Amino acid sequence: MRYLGAVLGAAGLIGEVEAGSARVSALVGAVKSYSYMDEAPLQEVDVNEGLESTLAVLAYKLDGVEITREYDQRLPRITAYGGELNQAWTQILDNAVDAARSGRGPEERGSVKLRTTCERDGVLVEVSDDGPGIPEALRGRIFEPFFTTKGVGEGTGLGLDLSYRVVVGRHGGDIRVESRPGETRFQVRLPLAVEAPGDAAGGAAEGAVEAR
């Protein structure tokens, strides 16, 4: 009996080690996908996959929040700065999760919804939460650097500023917010392709030559 117990105990330990190894391997894979490690900065990006890898990286803070996905499986790949785009998703999702938790007891669950869809000349990503909403007087300031609606010590006010710079400045996209009590929705529109810096410089040089 002792021998049988030892065998069963060892088998259980091996199972736990294998499960732990699988979790670590999955996390490493998610981090590599999230950061686009070993890949060029500008590349073809699967937006749905980027959102999923971001959720995997943020898994530690998703307890108590229900995540709903409505991904358009026909979504085309876009040419983008994948690592930077995932940083923008991180900031937007982090804010949505915090909002969904706001004002709720330990047994209450908030919800965050992710939706992607095709548009004529790009893709649309929506991140919604069922938190208290953003007061109308503050909505026009949420993308300002160092502005935050969170309590002292809870936010730097740089997350949504970073998202704005990545989406609008780096990708020529658009980011906006709609909010009311019980629902806040961030809408991010991205073009299908971002012009590489070298291409832009080349185009400018050609234009200068033609203008002479």
N, C-alpha and C. Protein backbone atom coordinates (compact mmCIF):
# COMPACT_ATOMS: atom_id res chain seq x y z
N MET A 1 0.83 -1.21 0.00
CA MET A 1 0.00 0.00 0.00
C MET A 1 0.86 1.26 0.00
N ARG A 2 1.96 1.18 0.81
CA ARG A 2 2.85 2.35 0.82
C ARG A 2 3.45 2.60 -0.56
N TYR A 3 3.82 1.46 -1.21
CA TYR A 3 4.41 1.57 -2.55
C TYR A 3 3.41 2.19 -3.52
N LEU A 4 2.15 1.72 -3.44
CA LEU A 4 1.11 2.24 -4.32
C LEU A 4 0.87 3.73 -4.07
N GLY A 5 0.87 4.09 -2.77
CA GLY A 5 0.68 5.50 -2.44
C GLY A 5 1.81 6.36 -2.97
N ALA A 6 3.05 5.83 -2.87
CA ALA A 6 4.20 6.57 -3.38
C ALA A 6 4.12 6.75 -4.88
N VAL A 7 3.70 5.67 -5.58
CA VAL A 7 3.58 5.74 -7.04
C VAL A 7 2.53 6.77 -7.44
N LEU A 8 1.37 6.72 -6.76
CA LEU A 8 0.31 7.68 -7.07
C LEU A 8 0.74 9.11 -6.76
N GLY A 9 1.47 9.27 -5.65
CA GLY A 9 1.95 10.61 -5.30
C GLY A 9 2.92 11.14 -6.33
N ALA A 10 3.83 10.26 -6.79
CA ALA A 10 4.80 10.66 -7.81
C ALA A 10 4.10 11.01 -9.12
N ALA A 11 3.08 10.20 -9.46
CA ALA A 11 2.34 10.46 -10.70
C ALA A 11 1.63 11.81 -10.63
N GLY A 12 1.06 12.09 -9.44
CA GLY A 12 0.39 13.38 -9.27
C GLY A 12 1.36 14.54 -9.38
N LEU A 13 2.55 14.36 -8.79
CA LEU A 13 3.57 15.41 -8.85
C LEU A 13 4.03 15.64 -10.28
N ILE A 14 4.22 14.54 -11.02
CA ILE A 14 4.63 14.66 -12.42
C ILE A 14 3.56 15.40 -13.22
N GLY A 15 2.29 15.08 -12.94
CA GLY A 15 1.19 15.76 -13.63
C GLY A 15 1.19 17.25 -13.35
N GLU A 16 1.44 17.63 -12.08
CA GLU A 16 1.48 19.04 -11.72
C GLU A 16 2.65 19.75 -12.42
N VAL A 17 3.80 19.06 -12.46
CA VAL A 17 4.97 19.65 -13.13
C VAL A 17 4.69 19.85 -14.61
N GLU A 18 4.07 18.84 -15.24
CA GLU A 18 3.76 18.95 -16.67
C GLU A 18 2.77 20.08 -16.93
N ALA A 19 1.75 20.18 -16.06
CA ALA A 19 0.76 21.25 -16.22
C ALA A 19 1.41 22.62 -16.03
N GLY A 20 2.30 22.71 -15.02
CA GLY A 20 3.01 23.97 -14.79
C GLY A 20 3.91 24.33 -15.96
N SER A 21 4.59 23.33 -16.51
CA SER A 21 5.45 23.57 -17.67
C SER A 21 4.64 24.06 -18.86
N ALA A 22 3.45 23.47 -19.04
CA ALA A 22 2.58 23.88 -20.15
C ALA A 22 2.14 25.32 -19.98
N ARG A 23 1.82 25.71 -18.73
CA ARG A 23 1.40 27.09 -18.47
C ARG A 23 2.54 28.07 -18.74
N VAL A 24 3.75 27.70 -18.28
CA VAL A 24 4.91 28.56 -18.52
C VAL A 24 5.19 28.69 -20.01
N SER A 25 5.11 27.55 -20.72
CA SER A 25 5.35 27.56 -22.16
C SER A 25 4.33 28.44 -22.87
N ALA A 26 3.06 28.34 -22.45
CA ALA A 26 2.01 29.15 -23.07
C ALA A 26 2.25 30.63 -22.80
N LEU A 27 2.69 30.96 -21.57
CA LEU A 27 2.95 32.36 -21.24
C LEU A 27 4.14 32.90 -22.04
N VAL A 28 5.19 32.09 -22.16
CA VAL A 28 6.35 32.51 -22.96
C VAL A 28 5.94 32.76 -24.40
N GLY A 29 5.11 31.85 -24.94
CA GLY A 29 4.62 32.03 -26.30
C GLY A 29 3.81 33.30 -26.45
N ALA A 30 2.96 33.58 -25.44
CA ALA A 30 2.13 34.79 -25.48
C ALA A 30 3.00 36.04 -25.43
N VAL A 31 4.04 36.02 -24.58
CA VAL A 31 4.93 37.18 -24.46
C VAL A 31 5.69 37.41 -25.77
N LYS A 32 6.16 36.32 -26.39
CA LYS A 32 6.86 36.46 -27.67
C LYS A 32 5.94 37.03 -28.74
N SER A 33 4.69 36.52 -28.75
CA SER A 33 3.72 37.04 -29.72
C SER A 33 3.38 38.49 -29.42
N TYR A 34 3.25 38.81 -28.13
CA TYR A 34 2.90 40.17 -27.71
C TYR A 34 3.97 41.17 -28.12
N SER A 35 5.23 40.80 -27.92
CA SER A 35 6.33 41.73 -28.16
C SER A 35 6.89 41.65 -29.58
N TYR A 36 6.41 40.67 -30.37
CA TYR A 36 6.93 40.45 -31.73
C TYR A 36 8.45 40.29 -31.68
N MET A 37 8.88 39.49 -30.70
CA MET A 37 10.30 39.23 -30.51
C MET A 37 10.91 38.61 -31.77
N ASP A 38 12.10 39.04 -32.12
CA ASP A 38 12.86 38.52 -33.27
C ASP A 38 12.20 38.86 -34.61
N GLU A 39 11.31 39.83 -34.63
CA GLU A 39 10.66 40.21 -35.88
C GLU A 39 10.91 41.69 -36.16
N ALA A 40 10.77 42.07 -37.44
CA ALA A 40 10.96 43.46 -37.83
C ALA A 40 9.88 44.33 -37.18
N PRO A 41 10.18 45.60 -36.88
CA PRO A 41 9.18 46.47 -36.24
C PRO A 41 7.91 46.62 -37.07
N LEU A 42 8.05 46.79 -38.39
CA LEU A 42 6.90 46.96 -39.27
C LEU A 42 6.64 45.64 -39.98
N GLN A 43 5.44 45.09 -39.79
CA GLN A 43 5.16 43.76 -40.30
C GLN A 43 3.66 43.56 -40.50
N GLU A 44 3.30 42.41 -41.08
CA GLU A 44 1.89 42.07 -41.19
C GLU A 44 1.39 41.59 -39.83
N VAL A 45 0.28 42.16 -39.38
CA VAL A 45 -0.20 41.92 -38.02
C VAL A 45 -1.62 41.35 -38.07
N ASP A 46 -1.84 40.29 -37.29
CA ASP A 46 -3.18 39.75 -37.06
C ASP A 46 -3.74 40.45 -35.82
N VAL A 47 -4.68 41.35 -36.01
CA VAL A 47 -5.19 42.16 -34.90
C VAL A 47 -5.86 41.29 -33.84
N ASN A 48 -6.64 40.29 -34.27
CA ASN A 48 -7.29 39.40 -33.30
C ASN A 48 -6.26 38.69 -32.43
N GLU A 49 -5.20 38.22 -33.06
CA GLU A 49 -4.14 37.53 -32.33
C GLU A 49 -3.45 38.48 -31.36
N GLY A 50 -3.26 39.73 -31.78
CA GLY A 50 -2.64 40.72 -30.89
C GLY A 50 -3.48 40.98 -29.66
N LEU A 51 -4.79 41.05 -29.82
CA LEU A 51 -5.68 41.24 -28.68
C LEU A 51 -5.60 40.04 -27.73
N GLU A 52 -5.55 38.84 -28.31
CA GLU A 52 -5.49 37.63 -27.49
C GLU A 52 -4.19 37.54 -26.70
N SER A 53 -3.07 37.86 -27.34
CA SER A 53 -1.79 37.81 -26.63
C SER A 53 -1.74 38.88 -25.54
N THR A 54 -2.40 40.01 -25.77
CA THR A 54 -2.47 41.05 -24.74
C THR A 54 -3.29 40.57 -23.55
N LEU A 55 -4.41 39.90 -23.81
CA LEU A 55 -5.22 39.34 -22.73
C LEU A 55 -4.42 38.31 -21.93
N ALA A 56 -3.60 37.52 -22.63
CA ALA A 56 -2.78 36.51 -21.94
C ALA A 56 -1.78 37.18 -21.01
N VAL A 57 -1.18 38.28 -21.46
CA VAL A 57 -0.21 39.00 -20.63
C VAL A 57 -0.91 39.66 -19.44
N LEU A 58 -2.16 40.07 -19.61
CA LEU A 58 -2.91 40.72 -18.54
C LEU A 58 -3.72 39.74 -17.69
N ALA A 59 -3.53 38.44 -17.91
CA ALA A 59 -4.36 37.43 -17.24
C ALA A 59 -4.33 37.57 -15.72
N TYR A 60 -3.21 38.05 -15.17
CA TYR A 60 -3.07 38.15 -13.72
C TYR A 60 -4.08 39.10 -13.09
N LYS A 61 -4.66 40.02 -13.88
CA LYS A 61 -5.60 40.98 -13.29
C LYS A 61 -7.02 40.83 -13.82
N LEU A 62 -7.31 39.71 -14.49
CA LEU A 62 -8.64 39.52 -15.07
C LEU A 62 -9.62 38.78 -14.16
N ASP A 63 -9.17 38.36 -12.98
CA ASP A 63 -10.08 37.69 -12.04
C ASP A 63 -11.23 38.62 -11.69
N GLY A 64 -12.44 38.09 -11.73
CA GLY A 64 -13.60 38.89 -11.38
C GLY A 64 -14.15 39.70 -12.53
N VAL A 65 -13.57 39.53 -13.72
CA VAL A 65 -14.04 40.26 -14.91
C VAL A 65 -14.33 39.26 -16.02
N GLU A 66 -15.53 39.32 -16.56
CA GLU A 66 -15.90 38.43 -17.66
C GLU A 66 -15.48 39.06 -18.99
N ILE A 67 -14.72 38.31 -19.78
CA ILE A 67 -14.25 38.79 -21.07
C ILE A 67 -15.09 38.16 -22.17
N THR A 68 -15.69 39.00 -23.00
CA THR A 68 -16.49 38.53 -24.14
C THR A 68 -15.79 38.95 -25.43
N ARG A 69 -15.71 38.02 -26.37
CA ARG A 69 -15.04 38.30 -27.64
C ARG A 69 -16.02 38.18 -28.80
N GLU A 70 -15.98 39.14 -29.69
CA GLU A 70 -16.71 39.07 -30.95
C GLU A 70 -15.73 39.43 -32.06
N TYR A 71 -14.88 38.47 -32.41
CA TYR A 71 -13.85 38.71 -33.40
C TYR A 71 -14.38 38.37 -34.80
N ASP A 72 -14.12 39.26 -35.73
CA ASP A 72 -14.42 39.00 -37.13
C ASP A 72 -13.30 38.11 -37.69
N GLN A 73 -13.63 36.86 -38.00
CA GLN A 73 -12.61 35.93 -38.47
C GLN A 73 -12.16 36.23 -39.90
N ARG A 74 -12.87 37.13 -40.58
CA ARG A 74 -12.45 37.54 -41.94
C ARG A 74 -11.53 38.74 -41.90
N LEU A 75 -11.18 39.20 -40.71
CA LEU A 75 -10.37 40.40 -40.57
C LEU A 75 -9.05 40.25 -41.31
N PRO A 76 -8.71 41.17 -42.21
CA PRO A 76 -7.44 41.05 -42.93
C PRO A 76 -6.26 41.42 -42.02
N ARG A 77 -5.11 40.88 -42.33
CA ARG A 77 -3.90 41.33 -41.65
C ARG A 77 -3.60 42.77 -42.09
N ILE A 78 -3.02 43.54 -41.19
CA ILE A 78 -2.66 44.91 -41.52
C ILE A 78 -1.15 45.06 -41.38
N THR A 79 -0.59 46.00 -42.12
CA THR A 79 0.83 46.32 -41.97
C THR A 79 0.95 47.35 -40.87
N ALA A 80 1.63 46.98 -39.78
CA ALA A 80 1.64 47.85 -38.61
C ALA A 80 2.87 47.57 -37.75
N TYR A 81 3.08 48.44 -36.76
CA TYR A 81 4.11 48.23 -35.75
C TYR A 81 3.48 47.37 -34.65
N GLY A 82 3.63 46.05 -34.78
CA GLY A 82 2.91 45.12 -33.92
C GLY A 82 3.16 45.29 -32.44
N GLY A 83 4.42 45.43 -32.04
CA GLY A 83 4.73 45.58 -30.62
C GLY A 83 4.12 46.84 -30.03
N GLU A 84 4.19 47.94 -30.77
CA GLU A 84 3.63 49.20 -30.28
C GLU A 84 2.10 49.12 -30.22
N LEU A 85 1.52 48.46 -31.21
CA LEU A 85 0.06 48.32 -31.22
C LEU A 85 -0.41 47.52 -30.00
N ASN A 86 0.33 46.49 -29.63
CA ASN A 86 -0.04 45.71 -28.45
C ASN A 86 0.11 46.52 -27.17
N GLN A 87 1.04 47.47 -27.15
CA GLN A 87 1.13 48.36 -25.99
C GLN A 87 -0.13 49.22 -25.88
N ALA A 88 -0.64 49.65 -27.03
CA ALA A 88 -1.89 50.43 -27.02
C ALA A 88 -3.05 49.58 -26.52
N TRP A 89 -3.14 48.32 -27.01
CA TRP A 89 -4.21 47.43 -26.52
C TRP A 89 -4.09 47.23 -25.01
N THR A 90 -2.85 47.12 -24.52
CA THR A 90 -2.64 46.92 -23.09
C THR A 90 -3.23 48.07 -22.28
N GLN A 91 -2.96 49.29 -22.70
CA GLN A 91 -3.44 50.45 -21.95
C GLN A 91 -4.96 50.56 -21.99
N ILE A 92 -5.54 50.32 -23.17
CA ILE A 92 -7.00 50.41 -23.32
C ILE A 92 -7.68 49.32 -22.50
N LEU A 93 -7.17 48.09 -22.60
CA LEU A 93 -7.77 46.98 -21.85
C LEU A 93 -7.58 47.14 -20.35
N ASP A 94 -6.42 47.62 -19.95
CA ASP A 94 -6.15 47.84 -18.52
C ASP A 94 -7.16 48.83 -17.94
N ASN A 95 -7.43 49.90 -18.67
CA ASN A 95 -8.42 50.88 -18.22
C ASN A 95 -9.82 50.27 -18.17
N ALA A 96 -10.15 49.46 -19.18
CA ALA A 96 -11.48 48.84 -19.23
C ALA A 96 -11.68 47.89 -18.05
N VAL A 97 -10.66 47.10 -17.74
CA VAL A 97 -10.76 46.16 -16.62
C VAL A 97 -10.92 46.91 -15.30
N ASP A 98 -10.13 47.96 -15.11
CA ASP A 98 -10.25 48.76 -13.88
C ASP A 98 -11.64 49.37 -13.77
N ALA A 99 -12.18 49.86 -14.88
CA ALA A 99 -13.51 50.47 -14.87
C ALA A 99 -14.58 49.43 -14.56
N ALA A 100 -14.43 48.23 -15.14
CA ALA A 100 -15.42 47.17 -14.92
C ALA A 100 -15.45 46.73 -13.46
N ARG A 101 -14.33 46.85 -12.77
CA ARG A 101 -14.25 46.47 -11.36
C ARG A 101 -14.74 47.59 -10.44
N SER A 102 -14.73 48.81 -10.92
CA SER A 102 -14.98 49.98 -10.08
C SER A 102 -16.35 49.92 -9.41
N GLY A 103 -16.37 50.13 -8.10
CA GLY A 103 -17.62 50.20 -7.35
C GLY A 103 -18.31 48.87 -7.11
N ARG A 104 -17.64 47.76 -7.42
CA ARG A 104 -18.26 46.45 -7.24
C ARG A 104 -17.69 45.74 -6.02
N GLY A 105 -18.53 44.91 -5.41
CA GLY A 105 -18.10 44.11 -4.28
C GLY A 105 -17.28 42.92 -4.74
N PRO A 106 -16.67 42.19 -3.80
CA PRO A 106 -15.80 41.06 -4.15
C PRO A 106 -16.52 39.93 -4.88
N GLU A 107 -17.83 39.81 -4.71
CA GLU A 107 -18.58 38.73 -5.36
C GLU A 107 -19.22 39.16 -6.68
N GLU A 108 -19.12 40.44 -7.01
CA GLU A 108 -19.74 40.95 -8.24
C GLU A 108 -18.73 40.92 -9.38
N ARG A 109 -19.21 40.58 -10.56
CA ARG A 109 -18.35 40.49 -11.73
C ARG A 109 -18.67 41.61 -12.72
N GLY A 110 -17.62 42.29 -13.16
CA GLY A 110 -17.78 43.25 -14.24
C GLY A 110 -17.57 42.55 -15.57
N SER A 111 -17.75 43.28 -16.65
CA SER A 111 -17.56 42.65 -17.96
C SER A 111 -16.85 43.61 -18.92
N VAL A 112 -16.03 43.01 -19.77
CA VAL A 112 -15.32 43.74 -20.82
C VAL A 112 -15.57 42.98 -22.13
N LYS A 113 -15.91 43.72 -23.16
CA LYS A 113 -16.21 43.10 -24.45
C LYS A 113 -15.25 43.62 -25.51
N LEU A 114 -14.69 42.69 -26.30
CA LEU A 114 -13.81 43.04 -27.41
C LEU A 114 -14.52 42.67 -28.71
N ARG A 115 -14.50 43.59 -29.65
CA ARG A 115 -15.15 43.35 -30.94
C ARG A 115 -14.25 43.86 -32.06
N THR A 116 -14.10 43.07 -33.11
CA THR A 116 -13.36 43.52 -34.29
C THR A 116 -14.23 43.33 -35.52
N THR A 117 -14.04 44.20 -36.49
CA THR A 117 -14.78 44.07 -37.74
C THR A 117 -14.03 44.77 -38.87
N CYS A 118 -14.36 44.39 -40.09
CA CYS A 118 -13.75 45.01 -41.27
C CYS A 118 -14.48 46.29 -41.62
N GLU A 119 -13.75 47.26 -42.10
CA GLU A 119 -14.33 48.45 -42.69
C GLU A 119 -13.77 48.60 -44.10
N ARG A 120 -14.30 49.53 -44.85
CA ARG A 120 -13.94 49.62 -46.27
C ARG A 120 -12.44 49.76 -46.48
N ASP A 121 -11.80 50.61 -45.68
CA ASP A 121 -10.37 50.87 -45.90
C ASP A 121 -9.53 50.57 -44.67
N GLY A 122 -10.03 49.69 -43.80
CA GLY A 122 -9.26 49.37 -42.61
C GLY A 122 -10.01 48.43 -41.69
N VAL A 123 -9.64 48.44 -40.42
CA VAL A 123 -10.28 47.59 -39.42
C VAL A 123 -10.73 48.44 -38.24
N LEU A 124 -11.75 47.96 -37.55
CA LEU A 124 -12.28 48.62 -36.36
C LEU A 124 -12.16 47.68 -35.18
N VAL A 125 -11.61 48.20 -34.08
CA VAL A 125 -11.53 47.46 -32.83
C VAL A 125 -12.31 48.24 -31.77
N GLU A 126 -13.22 47.56 -31.08
CA GLU A 126 -13.99 48.18 -30.01
C GLU A 126 -13.72 47.45 -28.70
N VAL A 127 -13.47 48.21 -27.65
CA VAL A 127 -13.29 47.66 -26.31
C VAL A 127 -14.30 48.36 -25.41
N SER A 128 -15.24 47.58 -24.86
CA SER A 128 -16.31 48.15 -24.04
C SER A 128 -16.25 47.59 -22.63
N ASP A 129 -16.67 48.39 -21.66
CA ASP A 129 -16.79 47.91 -20.29
C ASP A 129 -18.11 48.39 -19.70
N ASP A 130 -18.54 47.74 -18.62
CA ASP A 130 -19.81 48.11 -17.98
C ASP A 130 -19.58 48.85 -16.67
N GLY A 131 -18.53 49.66 -16.65
CA GLY A 131 -18.21 50.44 -15.46
C GLY A 131 -19.08 51.68 -15.31
N PRO A 132 -18.71 52.57 -14.41
CA PRO A 132 -19.55 53.74 -14.11
C PRO A 132 -19.59 54.80 -15.21
N GLY A 133 -18.69 54.71 -16.18
CA GLY A 133 -18.68 55.70 -17.25
C GLY A 133 -17.75 56.87 -16.95
N ILE A 134 -17.49 57.67 -17.98
CA ILE A 134 -16.62 58.84 -17.85
C ILE A 134 -17.50 60.08 -17.91
N PRO A 135 -17.45 60.95 -16.92
CA PRO A 135 -18.27 62.17 -16.95
C PRO A 135 -18.03 62.97 -18.23
N GLU A 136 -19.09 63.53 -18.77
CA GLU A 136 -18.99 64.25 -20.04
C GLU A 136 -17.96 65.36 -19.99
N ALA A 137 -17.84 66.02 -18.85
CA ALA A 137 -16.91 67.14 -18.72
C ALA A 137 -15.45 66.70 -18.83
N LEU A 138 -15.19 65.40 -18.63
CA LEU A 138 -13.82 64.91 -18.63
C LEU A 138 -13.44 64.17 -19.91
N ARG A 139 -14.42 63.82 -20.73
CA ARG A 139 -14.14 62.98 -21.90
C ARG A 139 -13.16 63.61 -22.87
N GLY A 140 -13.23 64.92 -23.00
CA GLY A 140 -12.34 65.60 -23.94
C GLY A 140 -10.89 65.65 -23.48
N ARG A 141 -10.62 65.21 -22.25
CA ARG A 141 -9.26 65.31 -21.71
C ARG A 141 -8.58 63.96 -21.51
N ILE A 142 -9.28 62.86 -21.76
CA ILE A 142 -8.73 61.56 -21.36
C ILE A 142 -7.47 61.17 -22.13
N PHE A 143 -7.24 61.77 -23.30
CA PHE A 143 -6.03 61.44 -24.06
C PHE A 143 -4.89 62.43 -23.78
N GLU A 144 -5.12 63.36 -22.86
CA GLU A 144 -4.06 64.30 -22.49
C GLU A 144 -3.03 63.60 -21.61
N PRO A 145 -1.74 63.90 -21.80
CA PRO A 145 -0.73 63.30 -20.92
C PRO A 145 -0.91 63.75 -19.48
N PHE A 146 -0.73 62.81 -18.56
CA PHE A 146 -0.81 63.02 -17.11
C PHE A 146 -2.22 63.28 -16.59
N PHE A 147 -3.23 63.15 -17.45
CA PHE A 147 -4.60 63.30 -16.97
C PHE A 147 -5.17 61.92 -16.66
N THR A 148 -5.75 61.75 -15.48
CA THR A 148 -6.34 60.47 -15.09
C THR A 148 -7.58 60.69 -14.24
N THR A 149 -8.53 59.78 -14.38
CA THR A 149 -9.73 59.82 -13.54
C THR A 149 -9.58 58.88 -12.35
N LYS A 150 -8.44 58.19 -12.26
CA LYS A 150 -8.21 57.26 -11.15
C LYS A 150 -7.74 58.02 -9.92
N GLY A 151 -7.80 57.33 -8.78
CA GLY A 151 -7.38 57.94 -7.53
C GLY A 151 -5.88 58.17 -7.48
N VAL A 152 -5.45 58.93 -6.47
CA VAL A 152 -4.03 59.23 -6.30
C VAL A 152 -3.25 57.93 -6.12
N GLY A 153 -2.18 57.78 -6.89
CA GLY A 153 -1.35 56.58 -6.81
C GLY A 153 -1.86 55.40 -7.61
N GLU A 154 -3.00 55.54 -8.28
CA GLU A 154 -3.57 54.43 -9.04
C GLU A 154 -3.33 54.53 -10.54
N GLY A 155 -2.95 55.69 -11.02
CA GLY A 155 -2.72 55.84 -12.45
C GLY A 155 -1.77 56.99 -12.73
N THR A 156 -0.99 56.85 -13.81
CA THR A 156 -0.03 57.90 -14.17
C THR A 156 -0.62 58.93 -15.13
N GLY A 157 -1.72 58.56 -15.79
CA GLY A 157 -2.28 59.46 -16.79
C GLY A 157 -1.54 59.41 -18.12
N LEU A 158 -0.69 58.40 -18.31
CA LEU A 158 0.09 58.30 -19.54
C LEU A 158 -0.39 57.17 -20.45
N GLY A 159 -1.22 56.27 -19.94
CA GLY A 159 -1.63 55.10 -20.72
C GLY A 159 -2.41 55.44 -21.97
N LEU A 160 -3.46 56.24 -21.84
CA LEU A 160 -4.28 56.58 -23.00
C LEU A 160 -3.57 57.58 -23.90
N ASP A 161 -2.69 58.39 -23.33
CA ASP A 161 -1.86 59.27 -24.16
C ASP A 161 -0.96 58.43 -25.06
N LEU A 162 -0.37 57.38 -24.50
CA LEU A 162 0.46 56.47 -25.29
C LEU A 162 -0.37 55.81 -26.39
N SER A 163 -1.58 55.35 -26.03
CA SER A 163 -2.46 54.71 -27.01
C SER A 163 -2.77 55.66 -28.16
N TYR A 164 -3.04 56.90 -27.83
CA TYR A 164 -3.36 57.90 -28.86
C TYR A 164 -2.17 58.10 -29.79
N ARG A 165 -0.98 58.21 -29.21
CA ARG A 165 0.21 58.44 -30.03
C ARG A 165 0.51 57.25 -30.94
N VAL A 166 0.28 56.03 -30.43
CA VAL A 166 0.52 54.84 -31.24
C VAL A 166 -0.50 54.74 -32.38
N VAL A 167 -1.78 54.90 -32.03
CA VAL A 167 -2.85 54.72 -33.03
C VAL A 167 -2.85 55.85 -34.05
N VAL A 168 -2.82 57.08 -33.58
CA VAL A 168 -2.94 58.24 -34.47
C VAL A 168 -1.59 58.65 -35.04
N GLY A 169 -0.60 58.82 -34.16
CA GLY A 169 0.69 59.31 -34.60
C GLY A 169 1.49 58.32 -35.43
N ARG A 170 1.52 57.06 -34.98
CA ARG A 170 2.35 56.06 -35.65
C ARG A 170 1.63 55.36 -36.80
N HIS A 171 0.30 55.21 -36.67
CA HIS A 171 -0.42 54.42 -37.67
C HIS A 171 -1.41 55.22 -38.51
N GLY A 172 -1.57 56.51 -38.22
CA GLY A 172 -2.51 57.30 -39.00
C GLY A 172 -3.94 56.86 -38.82
N GLY A 173 -4.24 56.28 -37.65
CA GLY A 173 -5.58 55.79 -37.37
C GLY A 173 -6.39 56.81 -36.58
N ASP A 174 -7.42 56.31 -35.93
CA ASP A 174 -8.33 57.17 -35.17
C ASP A 174 -8.75 56.45 -33.90
N ILE A 175 -8.83 57.17 -32.80
CA ILE A 175 -9.29 56.60 -31.54
C ILE A 175 -10.26 57.58 -30.90
N ARG A 176 -11.39 57.06 -30.47
CA ARG A 176 -12.39 57.92 -29.82
C ARG A 176 -13.14 57.12 -28.76
N VAL A 177 -13.89 57.81 -27.93
CA VAL A 177 -14.59 57.15 -26.83
C VAL A 177 -16.03 57.62 -26.76
N GLU A 178 -16.92 56.69 -26.47
CA GLU A 178 -18.32 56.98 -26.18
C GLU A 178 -18.59 56.46 -24.77
N SER A 179 -19.28 57.24 -23.95
CA SER A 179 -19.46 56.80 -22.57
C SER A 179 -20.77 57.30 -21.98
N ARG A 180 -21.36 56.44 -21.18
CA ARG A 180 -22.52 56.76 -20.36
C ARG A 180 -22.47 55.83 -19.16
N PRO A 181 -23.22 56.11 -18.11
CA PRO A 181 -23.20 55.21 -16.95
C PRO A 181 -23.55 53.78 -17.36
N GLY A 182 -22.67 52.84 -17.04
CA GLY A 182 -22.91 51.44 -17.37
C GLY A 182 -22.28 50.98 -18.66
N GLU A 183 -21.72 51.90 -19.45
CA GLU A 183 -21.06 51.48 -20.69
C GLU A 183 -20.09 52.55 -21.19
N THR A 184 -18.85 52.15 -21.38
CA THR A 184 -17.85 52.99 -22.03
C THR A 184 -17.26 52.17 -23.17
N ARG A 185 -17.18 52.78 -24.35
CA ARG A 185 -16.69 52.07 -25.53
C ARG A 185 -15.58 52.87 -26.20
N PHE A 186 -14.41 52.24 -26.29
CA PHE A 186 -13.31 52.82 -27.06
C PHE A 186 -13.34 52.23 -28.46
N GLN A 187 -13.26 53.09 -29.46
CA GLN A 187 -13.25 52.66 -30.85
C GLN A 187 -11.92 53.05 -31.49
N VAL A 188 -11.24 52.05 -32.01
CA VAL A 188 -9.94 52.27 -32.67
C VAL A 188 -10.07 51.85 -34.12
N ARG A 189 -9.79 52.78 -35.01
CA ARG A 189 -9.79 52.49 -36.45
C ARG A 189 -8.36 52.56 -36.96
N LEU A 190 -7.98 51.52 -37.71
CA LEU A 190 -6.63 51.43 -38.24
C LEU A 190 -6.66 51.20 -39.74
N PRO A 191 -5.77 51.85 -40.48
CA PRO A 191 -5.69 51.59 -41.93
C PRO A 191 -5.09 50.22 -42.19
N LEU A 192 -5.26 49.73 -43.40
CA LEU A 192 -4.73 48.41 -43.75
C LEU A 192 -3.21 48.40 -43.82
N ALA A 193 -2.60 49.55 -44.07
CA ALA A 193 -1.15 49.59 -44.20
C ALA A 193 -0.60 50.91 -43.69
N VAL A 194 0.55 50.84 -43.05
CA VAL A 194 1.29 52.02 -42.62
C VAL A 194 2.49 52.16 -43.54
N GLU A 195 2.74 53.36 -44.00
CA GLU A 195 3.88 53.59 -44.89
C GLU A 195 5.17 53.54 -44.10
N ALA A 196 6.11 52.72 -44.55
CA ALA A 196 7.41 52.62 -43.88
C ALA A 196 8.14 53.95 -43.98
N PRO A 197 8.94 54.33 -42.95
CA PRO A 197 9.67 55.60 -42.98
C PRO A 197 10.52 55.76 -44.24
N GLY A 198 11.17 54.68 -44.68
CA GLY A 198 12.00 54.75 -45.87
C GLY A 198 11.18 55.05 -47.11
N ASP A 199 9.97 54.44 -47.18
CA ASP A 199 9.10 54.69 -48.32
C ASP A 199 8.65 56.13 -48.35
N ALA A 200 8.33 56.68 -47.16
CA ALA A 200 7.87 58.06 -47.08
C ALA A 200 8.98 59.00 -47.53
N ALA A 201 10.22 58.71 -47.08
CA ALA A 201 11.35 59.56 -47.46
C ALA A 201 11.60 59.47 -48.96
N GLY A 202 11.49 58.22 -49.49
CA GLY A 202 11.69 58.05 -50.92
C GLY A 202 10.67 58.81 -51.72
N GLY A 203 9.40 58.75 -51.28
CA GLY A 203 8.34 59.46 -51.98
C GLY A 203 8.56 60.95 -51.96
N ALA A 204 9.03 61.47 -50.81
CA ALA A 204 9.29 62.91 -50.70
C ALA A 204 10.42 63.32 -51.62
N ALA A 205 11.46 62.45 -51.70
CA ALA A 205 12.61 62.77 -52.56
C ALA A 205 12.19 62.79 -54.02
N GLU A 206 11.36 61.80 -54.42
CA GLU A 206 10.90 61.76 -55.80
C GLU A 206 10.08 63.00 -56.13
N GLY A 207 9.24 63.41 -55.16
CA GLY A 207 8.42 64.59 -55.38
C GLY A 207 9.28 65.83 -55.55
N ALA A 208 10.37 65.89 -54.76
CA ALA A 208 11.26 67.05 -54.84
C ALA A 208 11.96 67.09 -56.20
N VAL A 209 12.35 65.90 -56.71
CA VAL A 209 13.02 65.85 -58.01
C VAL A 209 12.06 66.30 -59.10
N GLU A 210 10.80 65.81 -59.04
CA GLU A 210 9.83 66.16 -60.07
C GLU A 210 9.49 67.64 -60.04
N ALA A 211 9.58 68.24 -58.85
CA ALA A 211 9.19 69.65 -58.71
C ALA A 211 10.24 70.59 -59.28
N ARG A 212 11.45 70.10 -59.50
CA ARG A 212 12.52 70.99 -59.97
C ARG A 212 12.31 71.41 -61.41
